[in-house]
Amino acid sequence: MNQLFRLPQIGEAAPIAEPSADFRVPFAQSGAFVCKFIIGEPSDQAVCCGAPVADGKSWCAYHRRVVFEPTRPGRIR
């Protein structure tokens, strides 16, 4: 039996502040539970964001918005 239902419309997301530069660490020294988003150009001296992340995530909430395009209404797959 097929049922038709409407998905809630997704509006503009609440703004998220960019993490402080105080969190930044060299990529080679970044450990678990820190944002791995590389600031600037990737190189052997790369610096990553270093902000705390939720369990199992690679990027903080701010950089996840940079990396992933948010879903727009009418674009259901």
C-alpha atoms as a PDB file:
ATOM      1  CA  MET A   1       0.000   0.000   0.000  1.00  0.00           C
ATOM      2  CA  ASN A   2       1.502   3.315  -1.066  1.00  0.00           C
ATOM      3  CA  GLN A   3       0.880   6.350   1.072  1.00  0.00           C
ATOM      4  CA  LEU A   4       1.552   9.928   0.119  1.00  0.00           C
ATOM      5  CA  PHE A   5       2.923  12.196   2.815  1.00  0.00           C
ATOM      6  CA  ARG A   6       4.687  15.544   2.901  1.00  0.00           C
ATOM      7  CA  LEU A   7       8.158  16.018   4.247  1.00  0.00           C
ATOM      8  CA  PRO A   8       8.656  19.101   6.395  1.00  0.00           C
ATOM      9  CA  GLN A   9      10.178  22.010   4.510  1.00  0.00           C
ATOM     10  CA  ILE A  10      13.757  22.763   5.443  1.00  0.00           C
ATOM     11  CA  GLY A  11      14.374  26.455   5.994  1.00  0.00           C
ATOM     12  CA  GLU A  12      17.527  28.386   6.586  1.00  0.00           C
ATOM     13  CA  ALA A  13      19.730  26.785   9.203  1.00  0.00           C
ATOM     14  CA  ALA A  14      20.776  28.708  12.283  1.00  0.00           C
ATOM     15  CA  PRO A  15      24.193  30.328  11.927  1.00  0.00           C
ATOM     16  CA  ILE A  16      27.145  28.604  13.571  1.00  0.00           C
ATOM     17  CA  ALA A  17      30.158  30.616  14.734  1.00  0.00           C
ATOM     18  CA  GLU A  18      33.557  29.783  13.276  1.00  0.00           C
ATOM     19  CA  PRO A  19      35.757  27.983  15.840  1.00  0.00           C
ATOM     20  CA  SER A  20      38.502  29.959  17.545  1.00  0.00           C
ATOM     21  CA  ALA A  21      41.990  29.917  16.054  1.00  0.00           C
ATOM     22  CA  ASP A  22      43.196  28.825  19.513  1.00  0.00           C
ATOM     23  CA  PHE A  23      42.077  25.256  18.688  1.00  0.00           C
ATOM     24  CA  ARG A  24      44.312  24.937  15.599  1.00  0.00           C
ATOM     25  CA  VAL A  25      46.936  22.215  15.629  1.00  0.00           C
ATOM     26  CA  PRO A  26      49.321  20.699  13.079  1.00  0.00           C
ATOM     27  CA  PHE A  27      47.495  17.962  11.182  1.00  0.00           C
ATOM     28  CA  ALA A  28      50.131  15.379  12.098  1.00  0.00           C
ATOM     29  CA  GLN A  29      49.479  16.070  15.800  1.00  0.00           C
ATOM     30  CA  SER A  30      45.670  16.082  15.630  1.00  0.00           C
ATOM     31  CA  GLY A  31      44.172  13.313  17.695  1.00  0.00           C
ATOM     32  CA  ALA A  32      40.747  11.765  18.044  1.00  0.00           C
ATOM     33  CA  PHE A  33      37.669  13.941  18.622  1.00  0.00           C
ATOM     34  CA  VAL A  34      39.075  17.073  16.942  1.00  0.00           C
ATOM     35  CA  CYS A  35      38.079  18.679  13.631  1.00  0.00           C
ATOM     36  CA  LYS A  36      40.343  17.566  10.776  1.00  0.00           C
ATOM     37  CA  PHE A  37      39.370  20.407   8.381  1.00  0.00           C
ATOM     38  CA  ILE A  38      42.616  21.734   6.898  1.00  0.00           C
ATOM     39  CA  ILE A  39      43.014  25.500   7.173  1.00  0.00           C
ATOM     40  CA  GLY A  40      44.713  27.005   4.121  1.00  0.00           C
ATOM     41  CA  GLU A  41      46.525  24.949   1.511  1.00  0.00           C
ATOM     42  CA  PRO A  42      47.284  21.271   2.186  1.00  0.00           C
ATOM     43  CA  SER A  43      51.001  20.646   2.582  1.00  0.00           C
ATOM     44  CA  ASP A  44      53.391  18.694   4.773  1.00  0.00           C
ATOM     45  CA  GLN A  45      52.991  21.544   7.327  1.00  0.00           C
ATOM     46  CA  ALA A  46      49.161  21.520   7.197  1.00  0.00           C
ATOM     47  CA  VAL A  47      47.210  22.969  10.119  1.00  0.00           C
ATOM     48  CA  CYS A  48      43.740  21.674  10.953  1.00  0.00           C
ATOM     49  CA  CYS A  49      40.861  23.348  12.786  1.00  0.00           C
ATOM     50  CA  GLY A  50      41.236  21.262  15.965  1.00  0.00           C
ATOM     51  CA  ALA A  51      37.845  22.245  17.447  1.00  0.00           C
ATOM     52  CA  PRO A  52      36.072  19.524  19.463  1.00  0.00           C
ATOM     53  CA  VAL A  53      33.744  17.253  17.446  1.00  0.00           C
ATOM     54  CA  ALA A  54      30.891  14.880  18.218  1.00  0.00           C
ATOM     55  CA  ASP A  55      31.782  11.204  18.545  1.00  0.00           C
ATOM     56  CA  GLY A  56      32.641   9.671  15.183  1.00  0.00           C
ATOM     57  CA  LYS A  57      32.701  12.914  13.185  1.00  0.00           C
ATOM     58  CA  SER A  58      35.627  14.226  11.147  1.00  0.00           C
ATOM     59  CA  TRP A  59      34.654  17.899  11.160  1.00  0.00           C
ATOM     60  CA  CYS A  60      33.136  20.339  13.641  1.00  0.00           C
ATOM     61  CA  ALA A  61      29.607  21.639  12.993  1.00  0.00           C
ATOM     62  CA  TYR A  62      30.946  24.799  11.305  1.00  0.00           C
ATOM     63  CA  HIS A  63      33.179  22.943   8.841  1.00  0.00           C
ATOM     64  CA  ARG A  64      30.563  20.235   8.134  1.00  0.00           C
ATOM     65  CA  ARG A  65      28.451  23.073   6.700  1.00  0.00           C
ATOM     66  CA  VAL A  66      31.398  24.065   4.509  1.00  0.00           C
ATOM     67  CA  VAL A  67      31.999  20.489   3.312  1.00  0.00           C
ATOM     68  CA  PHE A  68      28.407  19.291   2.837  1.00  0.00           C
ATOM     69  CA  GLU A  69      25.740  21.115   0.847  1.00  0.00           C
ATOM     70  CA  PRO A  70      22.519  21.432   2.875  1.00  0.00           C
ATOM     71  CA  THR A  71      19.367  19.815   1.517  1.00  0.00           C
ATOM     72  CA  ARG A  72      17.108  22.251  -0.315  1.00  0.00           C
ATOM     73  CA  PRO A  73      13.321  21.978  -0.498  1.00  0.00           C
ATOM     74  CA  GLY A  74      12.151  20.189  -3.613  1.00  0.00           C
ATOM     75  CA  ARG A  75      15.377  18.271  -3.982  1.00  0.00           C
ATOM     76  CA  ILE A  76      14.354  14.865  -2.699  1.00  0.00           C
ATOM     77  CA  ARG A  77      16.170  11.803  -3.984  1.00  0.00           C
END
